[in-house]
Amino acid sequence: MPKPRGDMDKLAISKAAALAAVPFAKPGSEKLAALAGGLSKSLTVKLDAADYWALRDFCTKRERETGQRVTHQEVMVMGLRERLERAA
């Protein structure tokens, strides 16, 4: 008599599907987007006072120049993306 599998049928995948999976897809690829499922992730960054005030001043200056609100998070995401693109 086979051993009961419970809900494992929903989690189990074939060996062929596992071999076809791309665990580390390049940014911008369709497989990476599918793996991420469109969900965003949250990070917390602790800044020292000098970096915080520099970020705040940058956002204020950018808001005055463009007339649009710029959040600290937007600035940090833009900077991170630029850094990762340069490293790739």
N, C-alpha and C. Protein backbone atom coordinates (compact mmCIF):
# COMPACT_ATOMS: atom_id res chain seq x y z
N MET A 1 0.85 -1.18 0.00
CA MET A 1 0.00 0.00 0.00
C MET A 1 0.90 1.24 0.00
N PRO A 2 0.64 2.21 -0.92
CA PRO A 2 1.50 3.40 -0.98
C PRO A 2 1.33 4.28 0.26
N LYS A 3 2.41 4.91 0.61
CA LYS A 3 2.41 5.82 1.75
C LYS A 3 1.59 7.07 1.41
N PRO A 4 0.68 7.52 2.31
CA PRO A 4 -0.11 8.73 2.01
C PRO A 4 0.79 9.95 1.90
N ARG A 5 0.49 10.79 0.91
CA ARG A 5 1.34 11.96 0.66
C ARG A 5 0.74 13.24 1.20
N GLY A 6 -0.49 13.24 1.66
CA GLY A 6 -1.10 14.45 2.18
C GLY A 6 -1.17 15.53 1.12
N ASP A 7 -0.74 16.72 1.44
CA ASP A 7 -0.79 17.86 0.51
C ASP A 7 0.49 17.98 -0.32
N MET A 8 1.37 17.03 -0.22
CA MET A 8 2.64 17.13 -0.94
C MET A 8 2.46 17.11 -2.46
N ASP A 9 1.34 16.59 -2.95
CA ASP A 9 1.11 16.58 -4.39
C ASP A 9 1.13 17.99 -4.96
N LYS A 10 0.66 18.94 -4.18
CA LYS A 10 0.63 20.33 -4.65
C LYS A 10 2.03 20.94 -4.67
N LEU A 11 2.92 20.44 -3.82
CA LEU A 11 4.27 21.00 -3.72
C LEU A 11 5.29 20.26 -4.58
N ALA A 12 5.02 19.02 -4.91
CA ALA A 12 5.98 18.21 -5.65
C ALA A 12 6.01 18.63 -7.12
N ILE A 13 7.22 18.66 -7.69
CA ILE A 13 7.38 18.92 -9.12
C ILE A 13 8.21 17.81 -9.72
N SER A 14 8.11 17.62 -11.01
CA SER A 14 8.87 16.56 -11.66
C SER A 14 10.34 16.94 -11.72
N LYS A 15 11.18 15.92 -11.90
CA LYS A 15 12.62 16.17 -12.02
C LYS A 15 12.93 17.02 -13.25
N ALA A 16 12.19 16.81 -14.31
CA ALA A 16 12.40 17.59 -15.54
C ALA A 16 12.10 19.06 -15.29
N ALA A 17 11.02 19.35 -14.56
CA ALA A 17 10.66 20.73 -14.25
C ALA A 17 11.72 21.36 -13.34
N ALA A 18 12.24 20.57 -12.40
CA ALA A 18 13.27 21.09 -11.50
C ALA A 18 14.56 21.40 -12.26
N LEU A 19 14.91 20.56 -13.22
CA LEU A 19 16.12 20.80 -14.01
C LEU A 19 15.96 22.00 -14.94
N ALA A 20 14.73 22.27 -15.38
CA ALA A 20 14.47 23.39 -16.29
C ALA A 20 14.38 24.72 -15.55
N ALA A 21 14.23 24.67 -14.24
CA ALA A 21 14.10 25.90 -13.46
C ALA A 21 15.40 26.69 -13.48
N VAL A 22 15.29 28.01 -13.50
CA VAL A 22 16.46 28.88 -13.48
C VAL A 22 16.49 29.59 -12.13
N PRO A 23 17.30 29.12 -11.18
CA PRO A 23 17.27 29.72 -9.85
C PRO A 23 17.83 31.13 -9.80
N PHE A 24 18.77 31.46 -10.67
CA PHE A 24 19.38 32.78 -10.65
C PHE A 24 19.27 33.42 -12.03
N ALA A 25 18.08 33.87 -12.35
CA ALA A 25 17.84 34.51 -13.65
C ALA A 25 18.40 35.92 -13.63
N LYS A 26 18.78 36.42 -14.79
CA LYS A 26 19.32 37.77 -14.90
C LYS A 26 18.20 38.80 -14.73
N PRO A 27 18.51 39.97 -14.14
CA PRO A 27 17.49 41.00 -13.97
C PRO A 27 16.85 41.37 -15.31
N GLY A 28 15.54 41.59 -15.26
CA GLY A 28 14.82 41.96 -16.46
C GLY A 28 14.30 40.76 -17.23
N SER A 29 14.66 39.55 -16.81
CA SER A 29 14.20 38.39 -17.55
C SER A 29 12.78 38.03 -17.14
N GLU A 30 12.09 37.35 -18.04
CA GLU A 30 10.71 36.94 -17.77
C GLU A 30 10.66 35.93 -16.65
N LYS A 31 11.67 35.05 -16.58
CA LYS A 31 11.68 34.03 -15.52
C LYS A 31 11.84 34.68 -14.15
N LEU A 32 12.66 35.72 -14.05
CA LEU A 32 12.83 36.40 -12.78
C LEU A 32 11.53 37.06 -12.35
N ALA A 33 10.84 37.69 -13.29
CA ALA A 33 9.57 38.32 -12.98
C ALA A 33 8.55 37.29 -12.52
N ALA A 34 8.56 36.12 -13.17
CA ALA A 34 7.63 35.06 -12.78
C ALA A 34 7.97 34.53 -11.40
N LEU A 35 9.27 34.39 -11.11
CA LEU A 35 9.67 33.90 -9.79
C LEU A 35 9.30 34.89 -8.70
N ALA A 36 9.49 36.15 -8.97
CA ALA A 36 9.19 37.18 -7.97
C ALA A 36 7.69 37.33 -7.79
N GLY A 37 6.92 36.98 -8.80
CA GLY A 37 5.48 37.06 -8.70
C GLY A 37 4.98 38.49 -8.60
N GLY A 38 5.80 39.45 -8.95
CA GLY A 38 5.38 40.84 -8.92
C GLY A 38 5.30 41.43 -7.52
N LEU A 39 5.71 40.67 -6.53
CA LEU A 39 5.65 41.16 -5.16
C LEU A 39 6.90 41.98 -4.84
N SER A 40 6.72 43.05 -4.11
CA SER A 40 7.87 43.85 -3.71
C SER A 40 8.34 43.38 -2.33
N LYS A 41 9.56 43.64 -2.04
CA LYS A 41 10.17 43.28 -0.76
C LYS A 41 10.52 44.55 -0.01
N SER A 42 10.52 44.49 1.29
CA SER A 42 10.83 45.66 2.12
C SER A 42 12.21 45.51 2.74
N LEU A 43 12.89 46.64 2.83
CA LEU A 43 14.19 46.69 3.50
C LEU A 43 14.19 47.87 4.46
N THR A 44 14.95 47.74 5.52
CA THR A 44 15.13 48.84 6.45
C THR A 44 16.60 49.23 6.40
N VAL A 45 16.86 50.51 6.25
CA VAL A 45 18.23 50.99 6.17
C VAL A 45 18.47 51.96 7.31
N LYS A 46 19.51 51.73 8.04
CA LYS A 46 19.87 52.65 9.12
C LYS A 46 20.99 53.55 8.61
N LEU A 47 20.77 54.85 8.67
CA LEU A 47 21.75 55.83 8.21
C LEU A 47 22.29 56.61 9.40
N ASP A 48 23.54 57.00 9.29
CA ASP A 48 24.02 57.91 10.33
C ASP A 48 23.47 59.30 10.03
N ALA A 49 23.61 60.20 10.95
CA ALA A 49 22.98 61.51 10.84
C ALA A 49 23.43 62.26 9.58
N ALA A 50 24.72 62.20 9.27
CA ALA A 50 25.23 62.94 8.11
C ALA A 50 24.61 62.42 6.82
N ASP A 51 24.50 61.09 6.67
CA ASP A 51 23.90 60.53 5.46
C ASP A 51 22.41 60.85 5.39
N TYR A 52 21.72 60.81 6.53
CA TYR A 52 20.29 61.14 6.54
C TYR A 52 20.06 62.57 6.08
N TRP A 53 20.84 63.51 6.61
CA TRP A 53 20.64 64.92 6.24
C TRP A 53 21.03 65.16 4.79
N ALA A 54 22.04 64.45 4.30
CA ALA A 54 22.42 64.57 2.88
C ALA A 54 21.29 64.06 1.99
N LEU A 55 20.67 62.95 2.38
CA LEU A 55 19.53 62.42 1.63
C LEU A 55 18.36 63.38 1.66
N ARG A 56 18.09 63.91 2.82
CA ARG A 56 16.98 64.86 2.97
C ARG A 56 17.22 66.12 2.12
N ASP A 57 18.44 66.64 2.16
CA ASP A 57 18.78 67.81 1.35
C ASP A 57 18.66 67.51 -0.15
N PHE A 58 19.10 66.32 -0.56
CA PHE A 58 19.01 65.92 -1.95
C PHE A 58 17.55 65.90 -2.41
N CYS A 59 16.68 65.30 -1.59
CA CYS A 59 15.25 65.22 -1.95
C CYS A 59 14.63 66.61 -2.04
N THR A 60 14.96 67.46 -1.10
CA THR A 60 14.42 68.82 -1.10
C THR A 60 14.87 69.57 -2.35
N LYS A 61 16.16 69.45 -2.68
CA LYS A 61 16.69 70.13 -3.86
C LYS A 61 16.02 69.60 -5.13
N ARG A 62 15.87 68.29 -5.23
CA ARG A 62 15.24 67.68 -6.41
C ARG A 62 13.78 68.11 -6.53
N GLU A 63 13.08 68.23 -5.40
CA GLU A 63 11.68 68.68 -5.41
C GLU A 63 11.57 70.12 -5.92
N ARG A 64 12.50 70.96 -5.49
CA ARG A 64 12.49 72.36 -5.94
C ARG A 64 12.78 72.45 -7.43
N GLU A 65 13.70 71.62 -7.92
CA GLU A 65 14.08 71.66 -9.34
C GLU A 65 12.98 71.13 -10.25
N THR A 66 12.32 70.06 -9.83
CA THR A 66 11.35 69.40 -10.70
C THR A 66 9.90 69.79 -10.39
N GLY A 67 9.66 70.28 -9.19
CA GLY A 67 8.29 70.60 -8.79
C GLY A 67 7.48 69.38 -8.41
N GLN A 68 8.14 68.22 -8.33
CA GLN A 68 7.46 66.99 -7.95
C GLN A 68 8.08 66.44 -6.67
N ARG A 69 7.22 65.82 -5.86
CA ARG A 69 7.69 65.24 -4.61
C ARG A 69 8.61 64.06 -4.89
N VAL A 70 9.70 63.99 -4.18
CA VAL A 70 10.65 62.88 -4.29
C VAL A 70 10.83 62.29 -2.90
N THR A 71 10.55 61.00 -2.76
CA THR A 71 10.68 60.36 -1.46
C THR A 71 12.09 59.83 -1.26
N HIS A 72 12.44 59.64 -0.01
CA HIS A 72 13.74 59.06 0.32
C HIS A 72 13.85 57.66 -0.30
N GLN A 73 12.76 56.91 -0.26
CA GLN A 73 12.77 55.56 -0.79
C GLN A 73 13.04 55.57 -2.30
N GLU A 74 12.42 56.48 -3.02
CA GLU A 74 12.65 56.57 -4.47
C GLU A 74 14.12 56.84 -4.78
N VAL A 75 14.72 57.74 -4.03
CA VAL A 75 16.13 58.08 -4.24
C VAL A 75 17.01 56.86 -3.95
N MET A 76 16.73 56.16 -2.86
CA MET A 76 17.56 55.01 -2.51
C MET A 76 17.39 53.87 -3.52
N VAL A 77 16.18 53.66 -4.03
CA VAL A 77 15.95 52.61 -5.03
C VAL A 77 16.67 52.97 -6.33
N MET A 78 16.59 54.24 -6.74
CA MET A 78 17.30 54.67 -7.96
C MET A 78 18.80 54.45 -7.80
N GLY A 79 19.35 54.83 -6.66
CA GLY A 79 20.78 54.65 -6.42
C GLY A 79 21.18 53.19 -6.41
N LEU A 80 20.37 52.36 -5.80
CA LEU A 80 20.67 50.93 -5.75
C LEU A 80 20.63 50.32 -7.14
N ARG A 81 19.61 50.68 -7.93
CA ARG A 81 19.52 50.15 -9.30
C ARG A 81 20.72 50.55 -10.14
N GLU A 82 21.13 51.82 -10.03
CA GLU A 82 22.29 52.29 -10.80
C GLU A 82 23.54 51.52 -10.40
N ARG A 83 23.70 51.30 -9.11
CA ARG A 83 24.88 50.58 -8.62
C ARG A 83 24.88 49.14 -9.10
N LEU A 84 23.73 48.48 -9.05
CA LEU A 84 23.65 47.10 -9.50
C LEU A 84 23.86 46.99 -11.01
N GLU A 85 23.37 47.94 -11.77
CA GLU A 85 23.59 47.92 -13.22
C GLU A 85 25.06 48.09 -13.56
N ARG A 86 25.75 48.96 -12.82
CA ARG A 86 27.19 49.16 -13.06
C ARG A 86 27.98 47.89 -12.72
N ALA A 87 27.52 47.18 -11.68
CA ALA A 87 28.24 45.97 -11.25
C ALA A 87 27.97 44.78 -12.17
N ALA A 88 26.88 44.83 -12.92
CA ALA A 88 26.51 43.68 -13.77
C ALA A 88 27.36 43.58 -15.02
